[in-house]
């Protein structure tokens, strides 16, 4: 099998690349996906995400090693294994990050990745319900809309924010990114808008694009320093797909460094310890792992909110079917109506804490009177640390591509991260205790009134903190040091090979990563095809 381009991984980046590289009808493109097709109705009904998460469906099943600073707990690392990747299994939040994030990237010698350079690509991908303006795109493939969740708690939170002196903004992805606002979701007509649905499905009929699911890439085939193809397993058989132009690795922050190392590209001593011949010694592969870590502050809700009623088993089944068939009803949204990007100190140039809100308690599940007990309703906020200093690593467990890699996040290993998450908990408490929430707020369930000192808050965070599911930077872009790829997304010292996914992010942005990955893939497609980049935005 010979193609011009072989793309490994049909997640957010891979779907964009397959669509863009095959647009001219001439270039022969093969897209390989280890998971299956995106047929499960739970993908497409927004409320189905709860079941996807609780049962680890359509997921690689990764967990960290025991985390040293998190009481030795193993932390789940959910990564989508299906067409669309994690865009088919995430919480559908859309947040691009702060202007300063991309200007910081430019300061690393990546001048073509400043905010003014990446904004045209964000605008290219967006179909924002508010229409195009200086900061937003209105006619792209990916539909983005404000949350349609109806619950009086959201207005109460906004009033509590005002009472605490916090700003309110109209568009967290627009000109004013600091403050509270309605959360933005990748939902269209009541259905999840995955990247597979937005990009790949419209391209599937092209004769020059071939998509193979249940195809596990086991090795990038190198001739010297040049990538010439991909070995993959499908249906018990191993096949070599050759790429006359480029192999493009889009496996994500966990799988991309794993496959590079299995292919002989990575830290030489580590590869030799697993009996892998070293093609290229790149010490940075798998290092520099970063992710957002989050705590939780939650309170008993004095009267049950509307979403608790919808989760009664009989109503839930009806509403799931209604959402799937008609795109209407309460299952077409999530119990999360707002979010916020805030500064815990006024001297900061950009937000350091992200607040995610829910109107359900941790562990909420479907219920039915007399059969499955109901639960006490709650109001909840998750403080997320936006710019952690802690760094983790991805390493091989063996040379067997079927064996998961070892993941150590090193959450809360840095003193600054411990202090930052603690400050986020304190800020969440301050806002939650404002008068506008008095009619809704009961007893504090977590951390609880007995947790007040800094040491007690830190201990609570170590016991309960989790990932916000934004791993990145394990094949980081840069011009020196332990960077893995250059500003054109090519691994240093290789030919015919690019890495295009979250692993190339130099450091974490102050937002979610799905939007960032799609932007990187849009920009990467221009680089691969040799197309000129759009003029930098004048903002």
Protein backbone atom coordinates (compact mmCIF):
# COMPACT_ATOMS: atom_id res chain seq x y z
CA UNK A 1 0.00 0.00 0.00
CA UNK A 2 1.47 3.34 -1.01
CA UNK A 3 0.15 6.81 -0.27
CA UNK A 4 1.43 10.34 -0.34
CA UNK A 5 0.60 10.87 3.33
CA UNK A 6 -0.02 8.42 6.14
CA UNK A 7 -1.68 9.97 9.19
CA UNK A 8 -1.52 8.00 12.45
CA UNK A 9 -4.46 8.66 14.73
CA UNK A 10 -7.97 9.90 13.87
CA UNK A 11 -8.36 12.17 16.87
CA UNK A 12 -8.90 15.91 16.68
CA UNK A 13 -5.67 16.57 14.80
CA UNK A 14 -5.79 13.51 12.54
CA UNK A 15 -9.34 14.21 11.35
CA UNK A 16 -8.42 17.78 10.42
CA UNK A 17 -5.29 16.64 8.58
CA UNK A 18 -7.04 13.89 6.66
CA UNK A 19 -9.67 16.37 5.48
CA UNK A 20 -7.26 19.16 4.58
CA UNK A 21 -4.56 17.03 2.92
CA UNK A 22 -7.11 15.27 0.70
CA UNK A 23 -8.97 18.44 -0.32
CA UNK A 24 -7.35 18.75 -3.74
CA UNK A 25 -8.60 15.30 -4.78
CA UNK A 26 -5.09 14.33 -5.85
CA UNK A 27 -2.98 13.57 -2.79
CA UNK A 28 -3.45 9.97 -1.61
CA UNK A 29 -4.08 9.98 2.14
CA UNK A 30 -4.35 7.07 4.56
CA UNK A 31 -5.78 7.70 8.04
CA UNK A 32 -5.18 5.00 10.65
CA UNK A 33 -7.26 4.78 13.84
CA UNK A 34 -6.73 2.17 16.56
CA UNK A 35 -10.33 2.51 17.77
CA UNK A 36 -13.57 1.88 16.00
CA UNK A 37 -16.18 3.98 14.24
CA UNK A 38 -18.09 6.67 16.10
CA UNK A 39 -21.46 4.87 16.06
CA UNK A 40 -22.23 4.71 19.79
CA UNK A 41 -25.24 6.97 20.51
CA UNK A 42 -23.62 8.03 23.79
CA UNK A 43 -21.09 9.96 21.72
CA UNK A 44 -23.67 12.06 19.98
CA UNK A 45 -26.07 12.82 22.84
CA UNK A 46 -24.25 15.40 25.00
CA UNK A 47 -25.48 13.96 28.31
CA UNK A 48 -24.08 10.56 27.29
CA UNK A 49 -20.63 11.76 28.37
CA UNK A 50 -21.44 10.71 31.93
CA UNK A 51 -21.75 7.05 30.91
CA UNK A 52 -18.68 7.26 28.66
CA UNK A 53 -16.66 8.45 31.62
CA UNK A 54 -18.07 6.26 34.38
CA UNK A 55 -17.58 3.06 32.36
CA UNK A 56 -14.38 4.18 30.60
CA UNK A 57 -15.99 3.48 27.23
CA UNK A 58 -14.15 4.22 23.95
CA UNK A 59 -11.06 4.91 26.05
CA UNK A 60 -7.44 3.71 26.00
CA UNK A 61 -7.82 2.84 29.70
CA UNK A 62 -4.68 4.62 30.85
CA UNK A 63 -3.91 5.39 34.49
CA UNK A 64 -0.82 6.99 35.96
CA UNK A 65 1.74 5.23 38.05
CA UNK A 66 1.32 5.92 41.80
CA UNK A 67 1.67 9.70 42.03
CA UNK A 68 4.35 10.66 44.58
CA UNK A 69 2.75 13.94 45.71
CA UNK A 70 -0.86 12.68 45.57
CA UNK A 71 -0.66 10.12 48.39
CA UNK A 72 0.46 7.42 45.96
CA UNK A 73 -2.88 7.43 44.13
CA UNK A 74 -3.18 6.30 40.52
CA UNK A 75 -4.98 8.98 38.50
CA UNK A 76 -7.11 8.05 35.50
CA UNK A 77 -5.93 9.43 32.17
CA UNK A 78 -8.92 9.12 29.84
CA UNK A 79 -8.00 9.38 26.14
CA UNK A 80 -10.52 8.73 23.37
CA UNK A 81 -10.01 5.59 21.28
CA UNK A 82 -12.54 6.08 18.48
CA UNK A 83 -12.94 8.18 15.35
CA UNK A 84 -12.75 11.73 16.61
CA UNK A 85 -10.51 10.80 19.53
CA UNK A 86 -11.12 12.76 22.70
CA UNK A 87 -13.41 15.19 20.85
CA UNK A 88 -15.89 12.28 20.91
CA UNK A 89 -15.55 11.70 24.65
CA UNK A 90 -14.71 15.06 26.27
CA UNK A 91 -17.00 17.50 28.08
CA UNK A 92 -17.38 19.61 24.91
CA UNK A 93 -16.01 22.78 26.52
CA UNK A 94 -14.38 25.22 24.09
CA UNK A 95 -11.74 27.58 25.48
CA UNK A 96 -8.77 28.66 23.37
CA UNK A 97 -6.53 30.04 26.12
CA UNK A 98 -5.13 33.50 26.67
CA UNK A 99 -3.37 35.84 24.25
CA UNK A 100 -0.30 35.74 26.51
CA UNK A 101 -0.01 31.95 26.10
CA UNK A 102 0.80 32.13 22.41
CA UNK A 103 2.99 35.20 22.72
CA UNK A 104 4.94 33.21 25.31
CA UNK A 105 5.38 30.45 22.73
CA UNK A 106 6.74 33.02 20.29
CA UNK A 107 9.27 34.01 22.95
CA UNK A 108 10.75 30.50 22.75
CA UNK A 109 11.93 31.24 19.23
CA UNK A 110 8.64 30.10 17.66
CA UNK A 111 7.81 33.41 16.05
CA UNK A 112 5.13 31.93 13.77
CA UNK A 113 3.12 30.76 16.80
CA UNK A 114 2.31 34.12 18.39
CA UNK A 115 -1.35 34.96 19.01
CA UNK A 116 -1.53 37.18 15.94
CA UNK A 117 -0.25 34.23 13.85
CA UNK A 118 -2.56 31.55 15.31
CA UNK A 119 -5.74 33.64 15.54
CA UNK A 120 -6.50 33.31 11.78
CA UNK A 121 -6.45 29.52 12.22
CA UNK A 122 -8.77 29.66 15.21
CA UNK A 123 -11.13 31.77 13.11
CA UNK A 124 -10.82 29.31 10.22
CA UNK A 125 -12.01 26.38 12.30
CA UNK A 126 -14.89 28.11 14.10
CA UNK A 127 -18.58 28.32 13.33
CA UNK A 128 -19.34 30.49 16.34
CA UNK A 129 -23.02 31.06 17.01
CA UNK A 130 -22.34 34.76 17.55
CA UNK A 131 -20.92 35.15 14.05
CA UNK A 132 -17.54 36.34 12.83
CA UNK A 133 -15.80 39.35 14.30
CA UNK A 134 -12.27 40.50 15.05
CA UNK A 135 -11.64 37.51 17.32
CA UNK A 136 -14.10 34.82 16.19
CA UNK A 137 -14.84 32.84 13.05
CA UNK A 138 -18.38 32.28 11.84
CA UNK A 139 -18.21 29.83 8.93
CA UNK A 140 -15.70 27.10 9.89
CA UNK A 141 -16.39 23.38 10.27
CA UNK A 142 -16.68 23.26 14.09
CA UNK A 143 -19.90 24.58 15.59
CA UNK A 144 -19.59 26.36 18.95
CA UNK A 145 -22.47 27.69 21.00
CA UNK A 146 -23.13 29.02 24.49
CA UNK A 147 -24.51 26.57 27.02
CA UNK A 148 -28.27 26.23 26.93
CA UNK A 149 -28.44 24.79 30.45
CA UNK A 150 -31.45 26.23 32.27
CA UNK A 151 -30.92 26.49 36.00
CA UNK A 152 -31.31 29.57 38.24
CA UNK A 153 -28.04 28.62 39.93
CA UNK A 154 -26.03 30.03 37.00
CA UNK A 155 -27.39 33.57 37.40
CA UNK A 156 -26.82 33.27 41.14
CA UNK A 157 -23.17 32.37 40.57
CA UNK A 158 -22.76 35.37 38.28
CA UNK A 159 -24.25 37.66 40.91
CA UNK A 160 -22.00 36.09 43.54
CA UNK A 161 -19.01 36.80 41.31
CA UNK A 162 -20.03 40.45 41.04
CA UNK A 163 -20.48 40.65 44.80
CA UNK A 164 -16.95 39.28 45.25
CA UNK A 165 -15.55 41.91 42.88
CA UNK A 166 -14.90 39.50 40.02
CA UNK A 167 -15.41 40.55 36.37
CA UNK A 168 -18.10 39.28 34.00
CA UNK A 169 -17.34 38.93 30.30
CA UNK A 170 -19.50 38.14 27.30
CA UNK A 171 -17.06 35.91 25.42
CA UNK A 172 -14.22 33.98 27.07
CA UNK A 173 -12.70 33.47 23.61
CA UNK A 174 -13.09 37.08 22.55
CA UNK A 175 -11.42 40.37 23.33
CA UNK A 176 -11.94 40.13 27.11
CA UNK A 177 -10.95 36.71 28.38
CA UNK A 178 -10.83 37.33 32.13
CA UNK A 179 -13.91 36.73 34.24
CA UNK A 180 -17.14 34.73 34.41
CA UNK A 181 -19.25 33.90 31.37
CA UNK A 182 -21.51 31.27 29.88
CA UNK A 183 -19.48 28.20 28.97
CA UNK A 184 -19.08 27.51 25.23
CA UNK A 185 -19.68 24.01 23.91
CA UNK A 186 -19.01 22.11 20.70
CA UNK A 187 -22.67 21.21 20.23
CA UNK A 188 -24.80 21.66 17.11
CA UNK A 189 -28.53 21.07 16.82
CA UNK A 190 -28.55 19.30 20.15
CA UNK A 191 -25.80 16.84 19.16
CA UNK A 192 -22.11 16.72 20.05
CA UNK A 193 -20.06 18.29 17.26
CA UNK A 194 -17.01 16.03 17.11
CA UNK A 195 -14.02 16.77 14.91
CA UNK A 196 -14.81 13.56 13.02
CA UNK A 197 -18.29 14.89 12.30
CA UNK A 198 -17.12 18.39 11.44
CA UNK A 199 -14.07 17.54 9.30
CA UNK A 200 -13.74 13.86 8.47
CA UNK A 201 -17.28 12.82 7.59
CA UNK A 202 -17.69 15.42 4.80
CA UNK A 203 -14.43 14.13 3.29
CA UNK A 204 -15.07 10.38 3.59
CA UNK A 205 -16.44 10.00 0.06
CA UNK A 206 -13.25 11.27 -1.58
CA UNK A 207 -11.60 8.47 -3.56
CA UNK A 208 -8.13 9.70 -2.56
CA UNK A 209 -8.84 9.33 1.19
CA UNK A 210 -8.77 5.92 2.87
CA UNK A 211 -9.79 5.56 6.52
CA UNK A 212 -8.97 2.37 8.42
CA UNK A 213 -10.34 1.76 11.91
CA UNK A 214 -9.19 -0.96 14.31
CA UNK A 215 -5.71 -0.38 12.88
CA UNK A 216 -3.00 -0.12 15.55
CA UNK A 217 0.21 1.52 14.38
CA UNK A 218 3.13 -0.44 15.81
CA UNK A 219 6.13 1.29 14.24
CA UNK A 220 7.15 4.17 12.03
CA UNK A 221 9.39 2.67 9.36
CA UNK A 222 12.62 4.62 8.99
CA UNK A 223 15.27 4.43 6.28
CA UNK A 224 18.15 6.17 7.92
CA UNK A 225 16.69 9.37 9.32
CA UNK A 226 13.78 9.45 6.86
CA UNK A 227 10.30 8.15 7.64
CA UNK A 228 9.02 6.09 4.71
CA UNK A 229 5.97 4.31 6.09
CA UNK A 230 4.01 2.84 8.96
CA UNK A 231 3.60 -0.74 10.13
CA UNK A 232 0.16 -1.41 11.57
CA UNK A 233 -1.89 -4.35 12.81
CA UNK A 234 -5.47 -4.92 11.73
CA UNK A 235 -7.53 -8.09 11.97
CA UNK A 236 -4.53 -10.10 13.15
CA UNK A 237 -2.41 -9.09 10.14
CA UNK A 238 0.55 -6.72 9.96
CA UNK A 239 0.73 -4.38 6.98
CA UNK A 240 3.23 -1.79 5.81
CA UNK A 241 1.76 1.41 4.40
CA UNK A 242 4.39 3.47 2.58
CA UNK A 243 4.33 7.27 2.45
CA UNK A 244 6.02 8.88 -0.54
CA UNK A 245 5.83 12.36 1.00
CA UNK A 246 5.31 12.31 4.76
CA UNK A 247 4.29 10.26 7.77
CA UNK A 248 2.28 12.39 10.19
CA UNK A 249 1.98 11.27 13.79
CA UNK A 250 -1.20 12.48 15.52
CA UNK A 251 -1.54 9.98 18.34
CA UNK A 252 -1.76 12.57 21.13
CA UNK A 253 0.31 13.44 24.17
CA UNK A 254 0.49 9.82 25.40
CA UNK A 255 0.62 7.70 22.26
CA UNK A 256 2.81 9.88 20.05
CA UNK A 257 5.90 9.73 22.25
CA UNK A 258 5.26 6.03 22.82
CA UNK A 259 5.24 5.30 19.08
CA UNK A 260 8.32 7.45 18.44
CA UNK A 261 10.21 5.47 21.08
CA UNK A 262 8.98 2.15 19.71
CA UNK A 263 10.35 3.34 16.36
CA UNK A 264 13.80 4.08 17.75
CA UNK A 265 13.39 7.83 18.24
CA UNK A 266 13.81 9.02 21.82
CA UNK A 267 16.18 8.88 24.80
CA UNK A 268 18.87 6.46 23.68
CA UNK A 269 19.58 4.78 27.01
CA UNK A 270 15.88 4.23 27.68
CA UNK A 271 15.36 2.68 24.24
CA UNK A 272 18.36 0.37 24.65
CA UNK A 273 17.04 -0.75 28.04
CA UNK A 274 14.05 -2.20 26.16
CA UNK A 275 16.12 -3.72 23.37
CA UNK A 276 15.10 -1.11 20.80
CA UNK A 277 17.67 -0.07 18.18
CA UNK A 278 18.31 3.66 18.36
CA UNK A 279 17.58 5.51 15.13
CA UNK A 280 17.80 8.97 16.64
CA UNK A 281 18.71 10.05 20.17
CA UNK A 282 16.08 12.66 21.10
CA UNK A 283 16.14 12.92 24.91
CA UNK A 284 13.03 15.13 25.07
CA UNK A 285 10.64 12.51 23.70
CA UNK A 286 8.17 11.66 26.45
CA UNK A 287 9.48 14.31 28.83
CA UNK A 288 8.00 17.67 29.84
CA UNK A 289 4.52 16.17 30.41
CA UNK A 290 2.12 18.86 31.61
CA UNK A 291 -1.54 18.76 32.55
CA UNK A 292 -4.10 20.82 34.44
CA UNK A 293 -4.78 19.53 37.94
CA UNK A 294 -8.06 20.36 39.64
CA UNK A 295 -9.61 20.27 43.10
CA UNK A 296 -13.29 20.57 44.02
CA UNK A 297 -15.35 22.77 46.34
CA UNK A 298 -18.99 21.76 46.80
CA UNK A 299 -22.01 22.45 48.94
CA UNK A 300 -25.32 20.84 49.72
CA UNK A 301 -28.05 22.46 47.62
CA UNK A 302 -31.00 23.48 49.77
CA UNK A 303 -33.58 22.53 47.13
CA UNK A 304 -32.93 20.09 44.26
CA UNK A 305 -32.12 21.71 40.94
CA UNK A 306 -33.86 20.87 37.66
CA UNK A 307 -31.20 18.46 36.46
CA UNK A 308 -31.74 16.07 39.36
CA UNK A 309 -35.31 15.58 38.16
CA UNK A 310 -34.10 14.78 34.64
CA UNK A 311 -31.79 12.01 35.93
CA UNK A 312 -34.61 9.81 37.20
CA UNK A 313 -34.19 6.57 35.20
CA UNK A 314 -37.46 6.66 33.26
CA UNK A 315 -37.10 10.34 32.36
CA UNK A 316 -33.43 9.89 31.50
CA UNK A 317 -34.12 7.06 29.05
CA UNK A 318 -36.86 9.04 27.39
CA UNK A 319 -34.74 12.19 27.17
CA UNK A 320 -31.71 10.33 25.80
CA UNK A 321 -33.83 8.83 23.02
CA UNK A 322 -35.47 12.21 22.39
CA UNK A 323 -32.09 13.92 22.11
CA UNK A 324 -30.69 11.26 19.78
CA UNK A 325 -33.72 11.24 17.48
CA UNK A 326 -34.76 14.90 17.52
CA UNK A 327 -31.87 16.90 18.99
CA UNK A 328 -34.16 18.38 21.64
CA UNK A 329 -34.70 18.15 25.39
CA UNK A 330 -32.58 18.25 28.55
CA UNK A 331 -30.11 15.58 27.37
CA UNK A 332 -28.83 17.96 24.69
CA UNK A 333 -26.83 19.91 27.25
CA UNK A 334 -24.82 19.35 30.43
CA UNK A 335 -25.40 20.59 33.98
CA UNK A 336 -22.59 23.11 33.50
CA UNK A 337 -23.73 26.57 32.46
CA UNK A 338 -20.79 28.85 33.21
CA UNK A 339 -17.03 28.92 33.60
CA UNK A 340 -14.46 31.49 34.67
CA UNK A 341 -10.82 32.43 34.18
CA UNK A 342 -9.58 34.38 37.18
CA UNK A 343 -6.50 35.83 38.86
CA UNK A 344 -5.83 34.82 42.44
CA UNK A 345 -3.57 37.88 42.77
CA UNK A 346 -4.17 41.28 41.15
CA UNK A 347 -0.52 41.64 40.07
CA UNK A 348 -0.76 38.67 37.66
CA UNK A 349 -0.71 39.46 33.93
CA UNK A 350 -3.05 36.58 33.05
CA UNK A 351 -5.44 34.25 34.87
CA UNK A 352 -3.88 31.46 36.91
CA UNK A 353 -7.11 29.67 37.91
CA UNK A 354 -9.93 28.26 35.81
CA UNK A 355 -13.30 27.53 37.44
CA UNK A 356 -15.50 24.73 36.08
CA UNK A 357 -19.03 24.57 37.49
CA UNK A 358 -21.55 21.77 37.87
CA UNK A 359 -25.00 21.63 39.40
CA UNK A 360 -24.58 18.00 40.49
CA UNK A 361 -22.56 16.42 43.32
CA UNK A 362 -19.54 14.18 42.70
CA UNK A 363 -20.69 10.67 41.89
CA UNK A 364 -24.23 11.64 40.84
CA UNK A 365 -25.91 8.81 38.93
CA UNK A 366 -29.35 7.93 37.55
CA UNK A 367 -31.90 7.18 40.26
CA UNK A 368 -35.44 5.86 40.73
CA UNK A 369 -37.68 5.89 43.82
CA UNK A 370 -37.53 2.65 45.78
CA UNK A 371 -34.97 1.03 43.45
CA UNK A 372 -31.94 3.27 43.01
CA UNK A 373 -31.77 5.78 45.87
CA UNK A 374 -31.73 9.46 45.00
CA UNK A 375 -28.86 11.65 46.07
CA UNK A 376 -28.50 14.96 47.83
CA UNK A 377 -28.21 17.70 45.23
CA UNK A 378 -25.27 20.05 45.25
CA UNK A 379 -23.61 23.07 43.74
CA UNK A 380 -19.99 22.56 42.79
CA UNK A 381 -16.98 24.40 41.44
CA UNK A 382 -13.68 22.86 40.34
CA UNK A 383 -10.63 25.15 40.65
CA UNK A 384 -8.16 24.19 37.90
CA UNK A 385 -4.50 25.26 38.10
CA UNK A 386 -3.71 26.78 34.70
CA UNK A 387 0.09 27.01 34.64
CA UNK A 388 1.64 24.27 36.77
CA UNK A 389 5.39 24.07 37.23
CA UNK A 390 5.38 20.31 37.86
CA UNK A 391 6.55 18.13 34.99
CA UNK A 392 5.91 14.46 34.35
CA UNK A 393 7.08 11.88 31.84
CA UNK A 394 5.92 9.14 29.47
CA UNK A 395 8.20 6.09 29.32
CA UNK A 396 7.92 2.66 27.78
CA UNK A 397 6.86 -0.29 29.87
CA UNK A 398 8.25 -2.62 27.19
CA UNK A 399 8.94 -2.84 23.48
CA UNK A 400 5.49 -4.37 22.98
CA UNK A 401 3.21 -1.81 21.27
CA UNK A 402 0.17 -3.42 22.91
CA UNK A 403 1.42 -2.64 26.40
CA UNK A 404 0.42 0.79 27.76
CA UNK A 405 3.25 3.20 28.47
CA UNK A 406 4.12 4.31 31.98
CA UNK A 407 2.67 7.72 32.84
CA UNK A 408 3.83 9.86 35.74
CA UNK A 409 2.14 13.27 35.91
CA UNK A 410 3.99 14.48 39.02
CA UNK A 411 0.98 16.54 40.00
CA UNK A 412 1.63 18.95 42.89
CA UNK A 413 5.35 18.15 42.94
CA UNK A 414 6.24 21.86 42.84
CA UNK A 415 5.64 24.10 45.83
CA UNK A 416 4.22 26.80 43.54
CA UNK A 417 1.54 24.33 42.36
CA UNK A 418 0.56 23.40 45.91
CA UNK A 419 0.18 27.08 46.75
CA UNK A 420 -1.63 27.89 43.49
CA UNK A 421 -4.27 25.18 43.87
CA UNK A 422 -4.74 26.15 47.52
CA UNK A 423 -5.37 29.75 46.45
CA UNK A 424 -7.90 28.48 43.93
CA UNK A 425 -9.81 26.65 46.66
CA UNK A 426 -9.81 29.77 48.83
CA UNK A 427 -11.07 31.92 45.96
CA UNK A 428 -13.82 29.43 45.14
CA UNK A 429 -14.95 29.47 48.75
CA UNK A 430 -14.96 33.26 48.86
CA UNK A 431 -17.23 33.53 45.83
CA UNK A 432 -19.48 30.64 46.90
CA UNK A 433 -20.15 32.31 50.26
CA UNK A 434 -21.48 35.54 48.75
CA UNK A 435 -25.07 36.54 49.53
CA UNK A 436 -26.61 35.85 46.08
CA UNK A 437 -26.00 32.13 46.65
CA UNK A 438 -27.61 32.09 50.13
CA UNK A 439 -30.98 30.77 48.84
CA UNK A 440 -29.21 27.79 47.21
CA UNK A 441 -26.21 27.00 49.40
CA UNK A 442 -26.30 24.62 52.35
CA UNK A 443 -23.49 23.00 54.30
CA UNK A 444 -20.06 22.80 52.70
CA UNK A 445 -19.42 19.14 51.86
CA UNK A 446 -15.95 19.55 50.42
CA UNK A 447 -13.41 20.42 51.68
CA UNK A 448 -15.78 20.90 54.67
CA UNK A 449 -15.85 23.42 57.47
CA UNK A 450 -13.17 21.52 59.39
CA UNK A 451 -10.61 22.15 56.63
CA UNK A 452 -9.37 25.72 57.09
CA UNK A 453 -5.59 25.88 57.55
CA UNK A 454 -3.22 25.91 54.59
CA UNK A 455 -1.87 22.50 55.58
CA UNK A 456 -5.37 21.06 55.81
CA UNK A 457 -6.34 22.43 52.39
CA UNK A 458 -3.14 21.05 50.89
CA UNK A 459 -3.87 17.64 52.40
CA UNK A 460 -7.40 17.72 50.99
CA UNK A 461 -6.07 18.58 47.53
CA UNK A 462 -3.63 15.67 47.64
CA UNK A 463 -6.47 13.30 48.55
CA UNK A 464 -9.04 14.31 45.95
CA UNK A 465 -7.41 16.26 43.09
CA UNK A 466 -7.75 14.89 39.58
CA UNK A 467 -6.65 15.67 36.05
CA UNK A 468 -8.65 18.10 33.94
CA UNK A 469 -7.71 15.88 30.96
CA UNK A 470 -5.36 18.27 29.18
CA UNK A 471 -2.04 16.37 28.84
CA UNK A 472 0.46 17.89 26.44
CA UNK A 473 4.07 18.88 25.65
CA UNK A 474 5.63 15.39 25.47
CA UNK A 475 7.09 16.14 22.01
CA UNK A 476 7.42 19.86 22.62
CA UNK A 477 8.07 22.45 19.93
CA UNK A 478 11.23 24.49 20.32
CA UNK A 479 14.59 25.48 18.92
CA UNK A 480 16.92 23.88 21.47
CA UNK A 481 17.21 22.23 24.82
CA UNK A 482 15.03 19.14 25.12
CA UNK A 483 12.56 20.22 22.45
CA UNK A 484 11.50 17.46 20.07
CA UNK A 485 10.03 19.21 17.02
CA UNK A 486 10.83 22.49 15.31
CA UNK A 487 8.43 25.29 14.48
CA UNK A 488 7.35 23.35 11.36
CA UNK A 489 6.42 20.34 13.54
CA UNK A 490 9.28 18.17 12.24
CA UNK A 491 11.22 16.09 14.79
CA UNK A 492 14.77 17.41 14.94
CA UNK A 493 17.11 15.42 12.73
CA UNK A 494 14.41 13.59 10.76
CA UNK A 495 12.98 13.85 7.27
CA UNK A 496 9.53 12.95 5.98
CA UNK A 497 8.05 12.98 9.49
CA UNK A 498 5.88 15.42 11.45
CA UNK A 499 4.13 15.34 14.80
CA UNK A 500 0.84 17.23 14.84
CA UNK A 501 -1.17 16.97 18.07
CA UNK A 502 -1.19 18.10 21.71
CA UNK A 503 2.25 16.61 22.31
CA UNK A 504 3.93 19.47 20.39
CA UNK A 505 2.45 22.22 22.59
CA UNK A 506 5.47 23.94 24.20
CA UNK A 507 3.66 24.58 27.47
CA UNK A 508 0.11 24.61 28.76
CA UNK A 509 -2.32 27.27 27.66
CA UNK A 510 -4.85 28.81 30.03
CA UNK A 511 -7.81 26.90 28.64
CA UNK A 512 -8.91 23.56 27.25
CA UNK A 513 -6.85 21.78 24.59
CA UNK A 514 -9.30 20.59 21.94
CA UNK A 515 -9.49 24.01 20.31
CA UNK A 516 -5.71 24.34 20.46
CA UNK A 517 -5.13 20.95 18.83
CA UNK A 518 -7.52 21.72 15.98
CA UNK A 519 -5.75 25.05 15.43
CA UNK A 520 -2.36 23.30 15.36
CA UNK A 521 -3.67 20.81 12.79
CA UNK A 522 -5.09 23.58 10.61
CA UNK A 523 -1.76 25.41 10.70
CA UNK A 524 0.15 22.16 10.28
CA UNK A 525 -1.82 21.27 7.15
CA UNK A 526 -0.67 24.51 5.52
CA UNK A 527 2.93 23.73 6.45
CA UNK A 528 2.74 20.19 5.07
CA UNK A 529 1.19 21.35 1.80
CA UNK A 530 3.54 24.31 1.46
CA UNK A 531 0.67 26.79 1.46
CA UNK A 532 1.38 30.32 2.67
CA UNK A 533 0.02 31.15 6.10
CA UNK A 534 -2.70 33.80 6.30
CA UNK A 535 -1.51 37.29 7.28
CA UNK A 536 -1.11 37.78 11.04
CA UNK A 537 -4.18 39.25 12.71
CA UNK A 538 -3.97 42.91 13.68
CA UNK A 539 -5.07 42.60 17.33
